[in-house]
Amino acid sequence: MGCGSACGGEQEIGPLFLVPLPTNGVQISDDPLIFQGDTSFTVRMGRTLVLPMSFFIGETYVDGTFDDPVNFPTDYKASSLLLRVDGRVVVDSTRSKLDCLYVDLTYFPQPIVYPEPTGYGSNAAIWMTGLGILLPPMSSGEHIIEMQVVSPLPFWGIQLGYYNTWYVTVVQP
């Protein structure tokens, strides 16, 4: 059985599947500032899931300015993180360091130009840093990924977190 666009189409890069972020997040805490959301997606068997956890994207703006990473210091390895897949703990920052999940400052080979400028005037992504993980291919059927992450953002003077749940349907290719 194929899944065509139901599997994400542009979310597949070779054997990788870019996990979509929930867009329905609601604020559940002020200090730390935490948003909770969920989403569902379908993926073909054999795909490795690329799961972003907590990250910052540096951008360019229509006025010609750009984000300088020096202005956005964050120690993502100091985040608190709990990741479960089907109830099984995959990452728990109280038991292990987050070094293996850390993505150091990475400039994109080419700016990722947005279809249209954002409401705050950015027009392209140029770099990123943060936490992410590659999850191995899942068996056919229904799965649940649950994540709770809170990261210090000293440049904004806050801790920012996401409590996200993904409902995953894995189908035969």
C-alpha atoms as a PDB file:
ATOM      1  CA  MET A   1       0.000   0.000   0.000  1.00  0.00           C
ATOM      2  CA  GLY A   2       1.461   3.395  -0.930  1.00  0.00           C
ATOM      3  CA  CYS A   3       0.762   6.558   0.976  1.00  0.00           C
ATOM      4  CA  GLY A   4       1.616   9.280  -1.547  1.00  0.00           C
ATOM      5  CA  SER A   5       1.189  12.776  -0.157  1.00  0.00           C
ATOM      6  CA  ALA A   6      -0.296  11.334   3.044  1.00  0.00           C
ATOM      7  CA  CYS A   7       3.276  10.464   4.054  1.00  0.00           C
ATOM      8  CA  GLY A   8       4.462  14.023   3.792  1.00  0.00           C
ATOM      9  CA  GLY A   9       5.973  14.199   0.293  1.00  0.00           C
ATOM     10  CA  GLU A  10       8.309  17.156   0.825  1.00  0.00           C
ATOM     11  CA  GLN A  11       8.988  15.872   4.364  1.00  0.00           C
ATOM     12  CA  GLU A  12      10.975  12.960   2.931  1.00  0.00           C
ATOM     13  CA  ILE A  13      14.630  13.394   2.051  1.00  0.00           C
ATOM     14  CA  GLY A  14      15.929  10.026   0.915  1.00  0.00           C
ATOM     15  CA  PRO A  15      15.463   7.642   3.876  1.00  0.00           C
ATOM     16  CA  LEU A  16      14.793  10.536   6.280  1.00  0.00           C
ATOM     17  CA  PHE A  17      11.398  11.854   7.333  1.00  0.00           C
ATOM     18  CA  LEU A  18      11.209  15.368   8.801  1.00  0.00           C
ATOM     19  CA  VAL A  19       8.770  15.184  11.712  1.00  0.00           C
ATOM     20  CA  PRO A  20       6.250  18.060  11.602  1.00  0.00           C
ATOM     21  CA  LEU A  21       6.002  20.350  14.612  1.00  0.00           C
ATOM     22  CA  PRO A  22       2.627  20.823  16.295  1.00  0.00           C
ATOM     23  CA  THR A  23       1.011  24.101  15.220  1.00  0.00           C
ATOM     24  CA  ASN A  24      -1.757  24.032  17.816  1.00  0.00           C
ATOM     25  CA  GLY A  25       0.422  24.681  20.884  1.00  0.00           C
ATOM     26  CA  VAL A  26      -1.184  26.453  23.822  1.00  0.00           C
ATOM     27  CA  GLN A  27       0.651  28.149  26.654  1.00  0.00           C
ATOM     28  CA  ILE A  28       0.391  26.080  29.855  1.00  0.00           C
ATOM     29  CA  SER A  29       2.975  27.886  32.036  1.00  0.00           C
ATOM     30  CA  ASP A  30       4.520  31.338  32.410  1.00  0.00           C
ATOM     31  CA  ASP A  31       7.707  30.475  34.313  1.00  0.00           C
ATOM     32  CA  PRO A  32       9.104  28.582  32.579  1.00  0.00           C
ATOM     33  CA  LEU A  33       7.223  29.568  29.430  1.00  0.00           C
ATOM     34  CA  ILE A  34       5.837  26.245  28.181  1.00  0.00           C
ATOM     35  CA  PHE A  35       3.674  25.454  25.179  1.00  0.00           C
ATOM     36  CA  GLN A  36       1.841  22.150  24.783  1.00  0.00           C
ATOM     37  CA  GLY A  37       0.684  20.756  21.461  1.00  0.00           C
ATOM     38  CA  ASP A  38       0.130  17.632  19.432  1.00  0.00           C
ATOM     39  CA  THR A  39      -0.079  16.532  15.831  1.00  0.00           C
ATOM     40  CA  SER A  40      -0.540  13.394  13.765  1.00  0.00           C
ATOM     41  CA  PHE A  41       1.362  12.221  10.731  1.00  0.00           C
ATOM     42  CA  THR A  42       1.780   9.192   8.511  1.00  0.00           C
ATOM     43  CA  VAL A  43       5.172   7.864   7.459  1.00  0.00           C
ATOM     44  CA  ARG A  44       6.286   4.931   5.341  1.00  0.00           C
ATOM     45  CA  MET A  45       8.062   2.001   6.989  1.00  0.00           C
ATOM     46  CA  GLY A  46      11.831   2.159   6.774  1.00  0.00           C
ATOM     47  CA  ARG A  47      12.097   5.935   7.268  1.00  0.00           C
ATOM     48  CA  THR A  48      14.358   7.388   9.955  1.00  0.00           C
ATOM     49  CA  LEU A  49      12.529  10.160  11.822  1.00  0.00           C
ATOM     50  CA  VAL A  50      14.296  13.512  12.199  1.00  0.00           C
ATOM     51  CA  LEU A  51      12.805  14.970  15.384  1.00  0.00           C
ATOM     52  CA  PRO A  52      13.633  18.568  16.339  1.00  0.00           C
ATOM     53  CA  MET A  53      13.393  19.110  20.087  1.00  0.00           C
ATOM     54  CA  SER A  54      14.487  22.625  20.988  1.00  0.00           C
ATOM     55  CA  PHE A  55      16.308  24.893  18.580  1.00  0.00           C
ATOM     56  CA  PHE A  56      16.877  28.403  17.355  1.00  0.00           C
ATOM     57  CA  ILE A  57      16.861  29.472  13.707  1.00  0.00           C
ATOM     58  CA  GLY A  58      18.906  32.513  12.672  1.00  0.00           C
ATOM     59  CA  GLU A  59      17.243  34.547   9.923  1.00  0.00           C
ATOM     60  CA  THR A  60      17.714  37.331   7.407  1.00  0.00           C
ATOM     61  CA  TYR A  61      15.231  40.195   7.154  1.00  0.00           C
ATOM     62  CA  VAL A  62      13.661  42.239   4.364  1.00  0.00           C
ATOM     63  CA  ASP A  63      15.527  45.333   5.599  1.00  0.00           C
ATOM     64  CA  GLY A  64      18.873  43.594   4.873  1.00  0.00           C
ATOM     65  CA  THR A  65      19.779  42.771   8.489  1.00  0.00           C
ATOM     66  CA  PHE A  66      20.405  39.281   9.818  1.00  0.00           C
ATOM     67  CA  ASP A  67      20.650  37.403  13.113  1.00  0.00           C
ATOM     68  CA  ASP A  68      24.209  37.126  14.437  1.00  0.00           C
ATOM     69  CA  PRO A  69      24.607  33.953  16.545  1.00  0.00           C
ATOM     70  CA  VAL A  70      26.772  35.901  19.017  1.00  0.00           C
ATOM     71  CA  ASN A  71      23.595  37.705  20.083  1.00  0.00           C
ATOM     72  CA  PHE A  72      21.754  34.460  20.865  1.00  0.00           C
ATOM     73  CA  PRO A  73      23.878  32.484  23.368  1.00  0.00           C
ATOM     74  CA  THR A  74      22.133  29.346  24.575  1.00  0.00           C
ATOM     75  CA  ASP A  75      23.474  26.262  26.293  1.00  0.00           C
ATOM     76  CA  TYR A  76      21.025  23.735  24.897  1.00  0.00           C
ATOM     77  CA  LYS A  77      22.941  20.968  26.700  1.00  0.00           C
ATOM     78  CA  ALA A  78      21.623  22.507  29.958  1.00  0.00           C
ATOM     79  CA  SER A  79      18.025  21.772  28.893  1.00  0.00           C
ATOM     80  CA  SER A  80      15.754  19.447  30.797  1.00  0.00           C
ATOM     81  CA  LEU A  81      14.429  16.769  28.433  1.00  0.00           C
ATOM     82  CA  LEU A  82      12.288  13.662  28.593  1.00  0.00           C
ATOM     83  CA  LEU A  83      11.501  11.757  25.372  1.00  0.00           C
ATOM     84  CA  ARG A  84       9.326   8.644  25.233  1.00  0.00           C
ATOM     85  CA  VAL A  85       8.392   6.485  22.275  1.00  0.00           C
ATOM     86  CA  ASP A  86       5.431   4.185  22.889  1.00  0.00           C
ATOM     87  CA  GLY A  87       5.898   4.714  26.636  1.00  0.00           C
ATOM     88  CA  ARG A  88       9.586   3.699  26.566  1.00  0.00           C
ATOM     89  CA  VAL A  89      12.052   6.339  27.782  1.00  0.00           C
ATOM     90  CA  VAL A  90      14.514   7.158  24.991  1.00  0.00           C
ATOM     91  CA  VAL A  91      16.134  10.244  26.558  1.00  0.00           C
ATOM     92  CA  ASP A  92      16.050  11.485  30.143  1.00  0.00           C
ATOM     93  CA  SER A  93      18.337  14.418  30.926  1.00  0.00           C
ATOM     94  CA  THR A  94      18.235  13.549  34.633  1.00  0.00           C
ATOM     95  CA  ARG A  95      20.057  10.311  33.788  1.00  0.00           C
ATOM     96  CA  SER A  96      22.380  11.284  30.940  1.00  0.00           C
ATOM     97  CA  LYS A  97      23.975  14.290  29.290  1.00  0.00           C
ATOM     98  CA  LEU A  98      22.480  15.780  26.125  1.00  0.00           C
ATOM     99  CA  ASP A  99      25.789  16.007  24.230  1.00  0.00           C
ATOM    100  CA  CYS A 100      24.720  13.434  21.609  1.00  0.00           C
ATOM    101  CA  LEU A 101      21.561  15.421  20.811  1.00  0.00           C
ATOM    102  CA  TYR A 102      23.243  18.809  20.531  1.00  0.00           C
ATOM    103  CA  VAL A 103      23.507  20.417  17.101  1.00  0.00           C
ATOM    104  CA  ASP A 104      26.213  23.079  17.232  1.00  0.00           C
ATOM    105  CA  LEU A 105      25.855  26.300  15.285  1.00  0.00           C
ATOM    106  CA  THR A 106      25.340  25.221  11.667  1.00  0.00           C
ATOM    107  CA  TYR A 107      25.067  27.588   8.724  1.00  0.00           C
ATOM    108  CA  PHE A 108      22.925  26.320   5.855  1.00  0.00           C
ATOM    109  CA  PRO A 109      24.805  25.994   2.527  1.00  0.00           C
ATOM    110  CA  GLN A 110      22.232  28.353   0.994  1.00  0.00           C
ATOM    111  CA  PRO A 111      19.621  30.480   2.769  1.00  0.00           C
ATOM    112  CA  ILE A 112      16.280  28.709   3.052  1.00  0.00           C
ATOM    113  CA  VAL A 113      14.071  31.382   1.516  1.00  0.00           C
ATOM    114  CA  TYR A 114      10.518  31.604   2.835  1.00  0.00           C
ATOM    115  CA  PRO A 115       7.612  31.702   0.340  1.00  0.00           C
ATOM    116  CA  GLU A 116       6.720  35.116   1.804  1.00  0.00           C
ATOM    117  CA  PRO A 117       8.153  37.244   4.626  1.00  0.00           C
ATOM    118  CA  THR A 118       6.977  36.540   8.153  1.00  0.00           C
ATOM    119  CA  GLY A 119       4.884  39.003  10.118  1.00  0.00           C
ATOM    120  CA  TYR A 120       8.052  40.243  11.814  1.00  0.00           C
ATOM    121  CA  GLY A 121       9.933  40.757   8.530  1.00  0.00           C
ATOM    122  CA  SER A 122      12.194  37.695   8.204  1.00  0.00           C
ATOM    123  CA  ASN A 123      12.571  36.246   4.733  1.00  0.00           C
ATOM    124  CA  ALA A 124      15.012  33.325   5.072  1.00  0.00           C
ATOM    125  CA  ALA A 125      16.673  30.948   7.543  1.00  0.00           C
ATOM    126  CA  ILE A 126      20.482  31.052   7.490  1.00  0.00           C
ATOM    127  CA  TRP A 127      21.643  29.029  10.513  1.00  0.00           C
ATOM    128  CA  MET A 128      20.424  26.872  13.380  1.00  0.00           C
ATOM    129  CA  THR A 129      21.498  25.375  16.691  1.00  0.00           C
ATOM    130  CA  GLY A 130      19.715  23.277  19.267  1.00  0.00           C
ATOM    131  CA  LEU A 131      18.686  19.737  20.142  1.00  0.00           C
ATOM    132  CA  GLY A 132      17.441  17.019  17.821  1.00  0.00           C
ATOM    133  CA  ILE A 133      17.448  13.265  17.412  1.00  0.00           C
ATOM    134  CA  LEU A 134      17.215  10.643  14.692  1.00  0.00           C
ATOM    135  CA  LEU A 135      14.709   7.957  15.651  1.00  0.00           C
ATOM    136  CA  PRO A 136      15.132   4.585  13.931  1.00  0.00           C
ATOM    137  CA  PRO A 137      12.416   3.293  11.600  1.00  0.00           C
ATOM    138  CA  MET A 138       9.278   2.123  13.382  1.00  0.00           C
ATOM    139  CA  SER A 139       7.204  -0.977  12.811  1.00  0.00           C
ATOM    140  CA  SER A 140       3.947  -0.809  10.896  1.00  0.00           C
ATOM    141  CA  GLY A 141       1.029   0.482  12.940  1.00  0.00           C
ATOM    142  CA  GLU A 142       0.237   3.225  15.453  1.00  0.00           C
ATOM    143  CA  HIS A 143       2.861   4.860  17.697  1.00  0.00           C
ATOM    144  CA  ILE A 144       3.073   7.758  20.147  1.00  0.00           C
ATOM    145  CA  ILE A 145       6.080  10.045  20.655  1.00  0.00           C
ATOM    146  CA  GLU A 146       5.959  12.232  23.775  1.00  0.00           C
ATOM    147  CA  MET A 147       8.488  14.973  24.530  1.00  0.00           C
ATOM    148  CA  GLN A 148       8.948  17.445  27.353  1.00  0.00           C
ATOM    149  CA  VAL A 149      11.831  19.890  26.918  1.00  0.00           C
ATOM    150  CA  VAL A 150      12.708  23.158  28.647  1.00  0.00           C
ATOM    151  CA  SER A 151      15.736  25.164  27.464  1.00  0.00           C
ATOM    152  CA  PRO A 152      17.392  28.262  28.957  1.00  0.00           C
ATOM    153  CA  LEU A 153      17.273  31.296  26.646  1.00  0.00           C
ATOM    154  CA  PRO A 154      19.416  33.900  28.438  1.00  0.00           C
ATOM    155  CA  PHE A 155      19.144  36.413  25.568  1.00  0.00           C
ATOM    156  CA  TRP A 156      15.405  36.663  26.293  1.00  0.00           C
ATOM    157  CA  GLY A 157      15.807  36.092  30.043  1.00  0.00           C
ATOM    158  CA  ILE A 158      13.459  33.086  30.055  1.00  0.00           C
ATOM    159  CA  GLN A 159      13.308  29.325  29.942  1.00  0.00           C
ATOM    160  CA  LEU A 160      11.248  28.092  26.998  1.00  0.00           C
ATOM    161  CA  GLY A 161       9.675  24.670  26.787  1.00  0.00           C
ATOM    162  CA  TYR A 162       7.544  22.423  24.644  1.00  0.00           C
ATOM    163  CA  TYR A 163       5.423  19.508  25.789  1.00  0.00           C
ATOM    164  CA  ASN A 164       4.596  17.863  22.462  1.00  0.00           C
ATOM    165  CA  THR A 165       2.892  14.625  21.489  1.00  0.00           C
ATOM    166  CA  TRP A 166       3.022  13.072  18.018  1.00  0.00           C
ATOM    167  CA  TYR A 167       0.567  10.387  16.911  1.00  0.00           C
ATOM    168  CA  VAL A 168       2.385   8.391  14.255  1.00  0.00           C
ATOM    169  CA  THR A 169       0.898   5.983  11.719  1.00  0.00           C
ATOM    170  CA  VAL A 170       3.507   3.836   9.978  1.00  0.00           C
ATOM    171  CA  VAL A 171       2.381   2.259   6.702  1.00  0.00           C
ATOM    172  CA  GLN A 172       3.907  -0.199   4.238  1.00  0.00           C
ATOM    173  CA  PRO A 173       5.744   1.483   1.327  1.00  0.00           C
END
